[in-house]
Amino acid sequence: MDEVTYPHNGIVFEVRQGYKSKDSKRQNADIDSTTVAWANDYLPVFAIFSSQIDPDIVLRYKNNRCGILMGTINGNNQTSLYAFCEEILGYDLADFFKRQSTVIKNEIHDVLETLLSAE
């Protein structure tokens, strides 16, 4: 059996809030980026903060040697962004969002209020 080799330089993350679009140009650009990561001896991983990604896109990325961590609390450190952060990085990302919820909501409100104001 051939030995499996992994990148030596580490992981490169593409971080997204969600991934609702099935835009083929976006997908092709993402796959191009993963090719560059592999060529430079990095493991490409998509860190999706929500669970908003179409299963077809997940399959396409996995078929192109991309890792995907979903924004789900359930799962293991190979499927869940939150489990990965807690178990591998030693940081409770879910708790961070709970602690900062009011601050984040206020910031979003202020930004939206500014953007939508008539001035």
N, C-alpha and C. Protein backbone atom coordinates (compact mmCIF):
# COMPACT_ATOMS: atom_id res chain seq x y z
N MET A 1 0.85 -1.18 0.00
CA MET A 1 0.00 0.00 0.00
C MET A 1 0.89 1.24 0.00
N ASP A 2 0.52 2.23 -0.81
CA ASP A 2 1.28 3.48 -0.85
C ASP A 2 1.09 4.27 0.43
N GLU A 3 2.16 4.93 0.85
CA GLU A 3 2.08 5.77 2.04
C GLU A 3 1.38 7.08 1.70
N VAL A 4 0.49 7.51 2.58
CA VAL A 4 -0.21 8.78 2.39
C VAL A 4 0.68 9.89 2.92
N THR A 5 0.87 10.92 2.11
CA THR A 5 1.68 12.05 2.55
C THR A 5 0.78 13.26 2.74
N TYR A 6 1.11 14.05 3.73
CA TYR A 6 0.35 15.25 4.05
C TYR A 6 1.25 16.46 3.87
N PRO A 7 0.66 17.61 3.63
CA PRO A 7 1.47 18.81 3.47
C PRO A 7 2.33 19.08 4.71
N HIS A 8 3.51 19.59 4.47
CA HIS A 8 4.46 19.85 5.55
C HIS A 8 4.38 21.27 6.08
N ASN A 9 3.87 22.19 5.30
CA ASN A 9 3.87 23.60 5.72
C ASN A 9 2.70 23.97 6.61
N GLY A 10 1.65 23.16 6.66
CA GLY A 10 0.51 23.46 7.52
C GLY A 10 -0.78 23.55 6.74
N ILE A 11 -1.70 24.32 7.30
CA ILE A 11 -3.04 24.47 6.74
C ILE A 11 -3.25 25.91 6.32
N VAL A 12 -3.92 26.09 5.19
CA VAL A 12 -4.37 27.42 4.79
C VAL A 12 -5.90 27.39 4.80
N PHE A 13 -6.49 28.37 5.50
CA PHE A 13 -7.94 28.41 5.66
C PHE A 13 -8.55 29.45 4.75
N GLU A 14 -9.65 29.09 4.12
CA GLU A 14 -10.54 30.04 3.43
C GLU A 14 -11.74 30.15 4.37
N VAL A 15 -11.92 31.33 4.94
CA VAL A 15 -12.95 31.52 5.97
C VAL A 15 -14.15 32.22 5.36
N ARG A 16 -15.32 31.63 5.58
CA ARG A 16 -16.57 32.18 5.05
C ARG A 16 -17.65 32.17 6.13
N GLN A 17 -18.57 33.12 6.05
CA GLN A 17 -19.72 33.12 6.95
C GLN A 17 -20.68 32.02 6.53
N GLY A 18 -20.92 31.92 5.27
CA GLY A 18 -21.81 30.91 4.70
C GLY A 18 -21.47 30.77 3.23
N TYR A 19 -22.15 29.88 2.56
CA TYR A 19 -21.84 29.65 1.16
C TYR A 19 -23.13 29.28 0.46
N LYS A 20 -23.98 30.27 0.22
CA LYS A 20 -25.30 30.00 -0.35
C LYS A 20 -25.28 29.89 -1.87
N SER A 21 -24.33 30.52 -2.51
CA SER A 21 -24.32 30.60 -3.96
C SER A 21 -23.76 29.32 -4.60
N LYS A 22 -24.31 29.00 -5.74
CA LYS A 22 -23.77 27.91 -6.55
C LYS A 22 -23.02 28.48 -7.76
N ASP A 23 -22.47 29.66 -7.57
CA ASP A 23 -21.75 30.37 -8.62
C ASP A 23 -20.53 29.57 -9.06
N SER A 24 -20.54 29.11 -10.30
CA SER A 24 -19.45 28.27 -10.79
C SER A 24 -18.13 29.02 -10.86
N LYS A 25 -18.16 30.33 -11.14
CA LYS A 25 -16.91 31.10 -11.15
C LYS A 25 -16.27 31.12 -9.77
N ARG A 26 -17.09 31.30 -8.72
CA ARG A 26 -16.58 31.29 -7.34
C ARG A 26 -15.99 29.93 -7.01
N GLN A 27 -16.71 28.88 -7.37
CA GLN A 27 -16.23 27.52 -7.10
C GLN A 27 -14.92 27.24 -7.83
N ASN A 28 -14.85 27.64 -9.10
CA ASN A 28 -13.63 27.42 -9.87
C ASN A 28 -12.45 28.20 -9.28
N ALA A 29 -12.70 29.43 -8.84
CA ALA A 29 -11.65 30.22 -8.20
C ALA A 29 -11.19 29.56 -6.90
N ASP A 30 -12.14 29.04 -6.14
CA ASP A 30 -11.79 28.34 -4.90
C ASP A 30 -10.94 27.11 -5.19
N ILE A 31 -11.32 26.35 -6.19
CA ILE A 31 -10.56 25.15 -6.54
C ILE A 31 -9.18 25.53 -7.05
N ASP A 32 -9.08 26.61 -7.81
CA ASP A 32 -7.76 27.10 -8.24
C ASP A 32 -6.89 27.44 -7.04
N SER A 33 -7.49 28.08 -6.03
CA SER A 33 -6.76 28.43 -4.82
C SER A 33 -6.27 27.19 -4.09
N THR A 34 -7.10 26.16 -4.07
CA THR A 34 -6.68 24.94 -3.38
C THR A 34 -5.53 24.26 -4.13
N THR A 35 -5.54 24.36 -5.44
CA THR A 35 -4.45 23.79 -6.23
C THR A 35 -3.13 24.49 -5.89
N VAL A 36 -3.20 25.81 -5.75
CA VAL A 36 -2.00 26.59 -5.38
C VAL A 36 -1.54 26.19 -3.98
N ALA A 37 -2.49 26.01 -3.05
CA ALA A 37 -2.14 25.60 -1.69
C ALA A 37 -1.41 24.26 -1.70
N TRP A 38 -1.97 23.28 -2.39
CA TRP A 38 -1.33 21.97 -2.47
C TRP A 38 0.05 22.07 -3.11
N ALA A 39 0.16 22.88 -4.18
CA ALA A 39 1.45 23.03 -4.87
C ALA A 39 2.53 23.62 -3.95
N ASN A 40 2.08 24.39 -2.95
CA ASN A 40 3.01 24.99 -2.00
C ASN A 40 3.07 24.22 -0.68
N ASP A 41 2.58 22.99 -0.71
CA ASP A 41 2.67 22.07 0.41
C ASP A 41 1.82 22.48 1.62
N TYR A 42 0.64 23.04 1.34
CA TYR A 42 -0.34 23.39 2.38
C TYR A 42 -1.61 22.57 2.16
N LEU A 43 -2.30 22.29 3.25
CA LEU A 43 -3.59 21.63 3.18
C LEU A 43 -4.67 22.71 3.12
N PRO A 44 -5.46 22.78 2.04
CA PRO A 44 -6.53 23.78 1.95
C PRO A 44 -7.79 23.33 2.68
N VAL A 45 -8.31 24.21 3.52
CA VAL A 45 -9.52 23.90 4.29
C VAL A 45 -10.46 25.10 4.25
N PHE A 46 -11.72 24.84 3.97
CA PHE A 46 -12.76 25.87 4.04
C PHE A 46 -13.37 25.84 5.43
N ALA A 47 -13.33 26.96 6.11
CA ALA A 47 -13.94 27.11 7.44
C ALA A 47 -15.21 27.91 7.25
N ILE A 48 -16.34 27.24 7.30
CA ILE A 48 -17.64 27.87 7.08
C ILE A 48 -18.29 28.07 8.45
N PHE A 49 -18.50 29.33 8.85
CA PHE A 49 -19.01 29.62 10.18
C PHE A 49 -20.47 29.23 10.38
N SER A 50 -21.20 29.02 9.33
CA SER A 50 -22.57 28.56 9.45
C SER A 50 -22.66 27.19 8.77
N SER A 51 -23.86 26.68 8.67
CA SER A 51 -24.03 25.41 7.96
C SER A 51 -24.63 25.66 6.58
N GLN A 52 -24.52 26.90 6.09
CA GLN A 52 -25.11 27.27 4.81
C GLN A 52 -24.15 26.98 3.66
N ILE A 53 -24.16 25.74 3.22
CA ILE A 53 -23.42 25.36 2.03
C ILE A 53 -24.14 24.17 1.40
N ASP A 54 -24.32 24.25 0.13
CA ASP A 54 -25.03 23.22 -0.61
C ASP A 54 -24.22 21.92 -0.60
N PRO A 55 -24.88 20.78 -0.38
CA PRO A 55 -24.17 19.50 -0.37
C PRO A 55 -23.41 19.21 -1.67
N ASP A 56 -23.91 19.70 -2.81
CA ASP A 56 -23.21 19.50 -4.08
C ASP A 56 -21.86 20.22 -4.08
N ILE A 57 -21.81 21.40 -3.47
CA ILE A 57 -20.56 22.15 -3.40
C ILE A 57 -19.59 21.45 -2.46
N VAL A 58 -20.09 20.95 -1.34
CA VAL A 58 -19.25 20.20 -0.41
C VAL A 58 -18.61 19.01 -1.14
N LEU A 59 -19.41 18.27 -1.87
CA LEU A 59 -18.91 17.12 -2.61
C LEU A 59 -17.87 17.53 -3.65
N ARG A 60 -18.14 18.61 -4.37
CA ARG A 60 -17.19 19.07 -5.40
C ARG A 60 -15.86 19.47 -4.76
N TYR A 61 -15.91 20.18 -3.65
CA TYR A 61 -14.67 20.60 -2.99
C TYR A 61 -13.91 19.39 -2.44
N LYS A 62 -14.63 18.46 -1.82
CA LYS A 62 -13.96 17.27 -1.30
C LYS A 62 -13.33 16.46 -2.42
N ASN A 63 -14.02 16.38 -3.56
CA ASN A 63 -13.45 15.67 -4.71
C ASN A 63 -12.21 16.35 -5.27
N ASN A 64 -12.05 17.63 -4.94
CA ASN A 64 -10.87 18.38 -5.37
C ASN A 64 -9.87 18.59 -4.23
N ARG A 65 -9.93 17.67 -3.27
CA ARG A 65 -8.96 17.60 -2.16
C ARG A 65 -9.01 18.82 -1.24
N CYS A 66 -10.19 19.35 -0.99
CA CYS A 66 -10.37 20.46 -0.06
C CYS A 66 -11.00 19.93 1.22
N GLY A 67 -10.49 20.37 2.33
CA GLY A 67 -11.15 20.07 3.59
C GLY A 67 -12.26 21.08 3.83
N ILE A 68 -13.30 20.67 4.54
CA ILE A 68 -14.39 21.59 4.86
C ILE A 68 -14.78 21.36 6.32
N LEU A 69 -14.75 22.45 7.08
CA LEU A 69 -15.22 22.45 8.46
C LEU A 69 -16.47 23.30 8.51
N MET A 70 -17.57 22.68 8.92
CA MET A 70 -18.87 23.35 8.94
C MET A 70 -19.12 24.00 10.29
N GLY A 71 -19.91 25.05 10.29
CA GLY A 71 -20.26 25.76 11.51
C GLY A 71 -21.35 25.06 12.29
N THR A 72 -21.10 23.83 12.66
CA THR A 72 -22.05 23.09 13.48
C THR A 72 -21.41 22.76 14.81
N ILE A 73 -22.22 22.71 15.84
CA ILE A 73 -21.71 22.38 17.17
C ILE A 73 -21.55 20.88 17.30
N ASN A 74 -22.40 20.12 16.62
CA ASN A 74 -22.29 18.67 16.64
C ASN A 74 -21.28 18.21 15.60
N GLY A 75 -20.56 17.18 15.91
CA GLY A 75 -19.60 16.64 14.97
C GLY A 75 -18.24 16.50 15.63
N ASN A 76 -17.29 16.04 14.85
CA ASN A 76 -15.94 15.86 15.37
C ASN A 76 -15.01 16.93 14.81
N ASN A 77 -13.75 16.87 15.19
CA ASN A 77 -12.81 17.91 14.78
C ASN A 77 -12.42 17.85 13.30
N GLN A 78 -12.97 16.89 12.58
CA GLN A 78 -12.73 16.82 11.14
C GLN A 78 -13.93 17.30 10.33
N THR A 79 -15.05 17.58 11.00
CA THR A 79 -16.25 18.04 10.30
C THR A 79 -16.81 19.34 10.85
N SER A 80 -16.63 19.58 12.14
CA SER A 80 -17.21 20.74 12.81
C SER A 80 -16.14 21.79 13.08
N LEU A 81 -16.37 23.02 12.61
CA LEU A 81 -15.44 24.11 12.87
C LEU A 81 -15.29 24.35 14.37
N TYR A 82 -16.40 24.27 15.09
CA TYR A 82 -16.35 24.53 16.53
C TYR A 82 -15.60 23.42 17.28
N ALA A 83 -15.81 22.16 16.90
CA ALA A 83 -15.08 21.06 17.52
C ALA A 83 -13.59 21.17 17.18
N PHE A 84 -13.26 21.53 15.94
CA PHE A 84 -11.88 21.70 15.53
C PHE A 84 -11.19 22.76 16.40
N CYS A 85 -11.85 23.92 16.55
CA CYS A 85 -11.25 25.00 17.34
C CYS A 85 -11.04 24.56 18.79
N GLU A 86 -12.03 23.87 19.35
CA GLU A 86 -11.92 23.48 20.75
C GLU A 86 -10.90 22.36 20.96
N GLU A 87 -10.95 21.32 20.13
CA GLU A 87 -10.10 20.15 20.34
C GLU A 87 -8.68 20.31 19.81
N ILE A 88 -8.53 21.01 18.70
CA ILE A 88 -7.21 21.13 18.07
C ILE A 88 -6.51 22.42 18.49
N LEU A 89 -7.25 23.52 18.48
CA LEU A 89 -6.65 24.81 18.81
C LEU A 89 -6.74 25.15 20.29
N GLY A 90 -7.59 24.43 21.02
CA GLY A 90 -7.76 24.70 22.44
C GLY A 90 -8.53 25.97 22.72
N TYR A 91 -9.41 26.35 21.79
CA TYR A 91 -10.19 27.57 21.97
C TYR A 91 -11.66 27.28 21.74
N ASP A 92 -12.50 27.69 22.67
CA ASP A 92 -13.95 27.45 22.58
C ASP A 92 -14.60 28.59 21.78
N LEU A 93 -14.67 28.41 20.48
CA LEU A 93 -15.21 29.42 19.58
C LEU A 93 -16.70 29.65 19.81
N ALA A 94 -17.43 28.58 20.09
CA ALA A 94 -18.87 28.72 20.35
C ALA A 94 -19.09 29.59 21.58
N ASP A 95 -18.29 29.38 22.62
CA ASP A 95 -18.42 30.19 23.83
C ASP A 95 -18.05 31.65 23.55
N PHE A 96 -17.06 31.87 22.70
CA PHE A 96 -16.71 33.24 22.32
C PHE A 96 -17.93 33.97 21.75
N PHE A 97 -18.63 33.31 20.82
CA PHE A 97 -19.79 33.94 20.20
C PHE A 97 -20.91 34.17 21.22
N LYS A 98 -21.06 33.24 22.15
CA LYS A 98 -22.05 33.43 23.21
C LYS A 98 -21.70 34.65 24.07
N ARG A 99 -20.43 34.74 24.47
CA ARG A 99 -19.99 35.85 25.31
C ARG A 99 -20.08 37.19 24.59
N GLN A 100 -19.82 37.21 23.30
CA GLN A 100 -19.76 38.44 22.53
C GLN A 100 -21.04 38.75 21.77
N SER A 101 -22.08 37.98 21.99
CA SER A 101 -23.32 38.12 21.22
C SER A 101 -23.88 39.54 21.26
N THR A 102 -23.96 40.14 22.42
CA THR A 102 -24.53 41.49 22.53
C THR A 102 -23.66 42.50 21.79
N VAL A 103 -22.36 42.40 21.94
CA VAL A 103 -21.44 43.32 21.26
C VAL A 103 -21.57 43.18 19.75
N ILE A 104 -21.60 41.94 19.27
CA ILE A 104 -21.71 41.70 17.83
C ILE A 104 -23.04 42.24 17.30
N LYS A 105 -24.13 41.98 18.00
CA LYS A 105 -25.44 42.48 17.58
C LYS A 105 -25.45 44.01 17.53
N ASN A 106 -24.87 44.65 18.53
CA ASN A 106 -24.82 46.11 18.55
C ASN A 106 -24.00 46.67 17.39
N GLU A 107 -22.88 46.04 17.11
CA GLU A 107 -22.03 46.48 15.99
C GLU A 107 -22.77 46.34 14.66
N ILE A 108 -23.43 45.21 14.47
CA ILE A 108 -24.20 45.00 13.23
C ILE A 108 -25.31 46.03 13.12
N HIS A 109 -26.00 46.27 14.20
CA HIS A 109 -27.07 47.28 14.21
C HIS A 109 -26.52 48.64 13.83
N ASP A 110 -25.39 49.04 14.42
CA ASP A 110 -24.80 50.35 14.12
C ASP A 110 -24.38 50.46 12.65
N VAL A 111 -23.78 49.42 12.13
CA VAL A 111 -23.35 49.43 10.72
C VAL A 111 -24.56 49.53 9.81
N LEU A 112 -25.58 48.72 10.06
CA LEU A 112 -26.79 48.75 9.22
C LEU A 112 -27.50 50.10 9.32
N GLU A 113 -27.56 50.65 10.51
CA GLU A 113 -28.19 51.95 10.70
C GLU A 113 -27.46 53.02 9.90
N THR A 114 -26.14 52.98 9.90
CA THR A 114 -25.35 53.93 9.12
C THR A 114 -25.56 53.74 7.63
N LEU A 115 -25.51 52.51 7.18
CA LEU A 115 -25.67 52.22 5.76
C LEU A 115 -27.04 52.57 5.24
N LEU A 116 -28.05 52.42 6.07
CA LEU A 116 -29.43 52.63 5.62
C LEU A 116 -29.95 54.03 5.92
N SER A 117 -29.13 54.85 6.57
CA SER A 117 -29.60 56.19 6.88
C SER A 117 -29.64 57.05 5.62
N ALA A 118 -30.46 58.09 5.65
CA ALA A 118 -30.65 58.95 4.48
C ALA A 118 -29.49 59.91 4.25
N GLU A 119 -28.62 60.03 5.21
CA GLU A 119 -27.52 61.00 5.10
C GLU A 119 -26.45 60.57 4.16
